[in-house]
Amino acid sequence: MARLVKALVDLRDKYIELAQENAMLRKRLEQEKVKAANKEVNKPCSKRAEWEKDKPEKQGGKKKRAANRKPREGAGNRPKNLTPNHKETATVENCDICGKDLSDKRPLESTNDRIIEDIPEPPQEPVILLVSQQKKYCDECRQVVTAKSERALPGSDIGINATVMVCYLSIALSLPYTKIKEYLATFFHLKVSTSGLSRHLIWVSKIMHDVYDEILRNIQNGARLHADETGWRVRGRNWWLWVFGTQDTAYFTVDKTRGSDVVRRVLGEIFFGVLVVDGWRAYLCVLCEQQSCLSHLLRKIRKFREAFPELADIMRFYVKFRRIIRDGERLQKDRDQLGEIAFQRRLERLKRRLADLLRWPNPSNILADIIAKVKRQQPRILTFVEHPGLPFHNNYAEYLIRIGVIKRKISGGSVSAQGAEAYAILLSIYLCDL
């Protein structure tokens, strides 16, 4: 009997030990899933539909065409309505079929005419221009006045055409200085070092600084502003590339920090328009109306739902939250038809639905974290409903900053702070001209 009691006690102790170990492993697995979900949600949003419909991805990367839908007609090789500035004749010397010599035969009166667009045959020799700048004495000022040349920027020995090309290759095409140097040497026999190219673009940016300041003033007076930031490298250190953009203006700046000081430096303490951001807390320092990017919130909830499929309350919360956003978008479009009184009444009802959703009864630990994330942005979720045409996402800012992400991936960032500032200035000016 004593042996049986001892065996039962040992089994009980073993059971308690295994139960504790099992609970610890479950908690560790849950923490790992949360870390994996948080890592995924911080990636840039995809170009899927705004509502991020739960459609499976296409296998093999090929789109399926509807059964009764005809393929789109392509442009094809349409005739070009261009006026030729050169003309040449292609002669027939031999028969393409049998090889007979036809050089002594007279050509027929009819011909086939082709319009061909081409570029000059490389390499092109650079133009070495000697500019003699006249000097005259001004009796009024009692100073010697020297003539200025428009063939190059002041204080530069690189011509204006080469300057435009270097700026385009570096800013618009995001090419690194090594590739620009190779391109100029291969096609134009123009030899410029990478440090020379860098110094030249810094000099160009200093000349264009007044235009850059004017862009900043336009940003500060905008009615609707999108903002975003991404990592940047300056001499191997982590910096940040910021963008503040309206529909026709984009202001870029590079700074060491990702904090609120940058937002204050650009927008000041008060902004009279609506600021659309991705929920980063640094933007809260500005006193203004704000709209959080709901695509980010929906993607975060969906990632947690995929990481914890056994928690059905996450799915129910996701569906109800998405329905509130859909109803908000529908209410935004129907404002003129409903009238202001009915619109305000429905908007208040929509806000109450959101508040009731965030008071979810007995949520799981994961859903409680999700609700906390949404609750932090609750005042900035339905702002878009009150402003016609205002989107509930920040896709436009991500579109603007995408060129900076491409540049960073290709060139790795900037070698100096002056180079990073020059890139921000020239990129702002380039995007404003599009």
Foldseek 3Di string as FASTA:
>chain_A
DVVVVVVVVVVVVVVVVVVVVVVVVVVVLVVVLLVVLVVVLPDDDDPDDLLPDPDDDDPPPDDDDDPPDDDDDDPPDDADPDDDPDDDDDDDQADPPPGHGPPPPDDDPDDDDHDDDDDDDFAAEDDDDDDDWDWDADPVVRDIDTHDDQQPDPPDPDGPVLVVVLLCCCQVVLAQLVVVQVVCCTRHVDHDDNVRSLVSLLVVLVVCVVVLVVLLVCLLQDQEKEKDKDWFAAQRATKIWIWIDDPQFIFIDIGRDPALVVVCVRHNQEGAHEYEYQPDCSNVSHPYAYFHAVSSLLSSLVSSCVSCVVFVVSVVLSVQVSVLVVVLVVLLVCDVVCDDVSSVVVVVVSLVSVVVSLPDPPHDPVVVVSSVSCVVCSSRHNPVSVPRPDDNHNVVNVVLCVSVVVSCVNHVHHHHSSSNRSSSSSNRVVSSVD
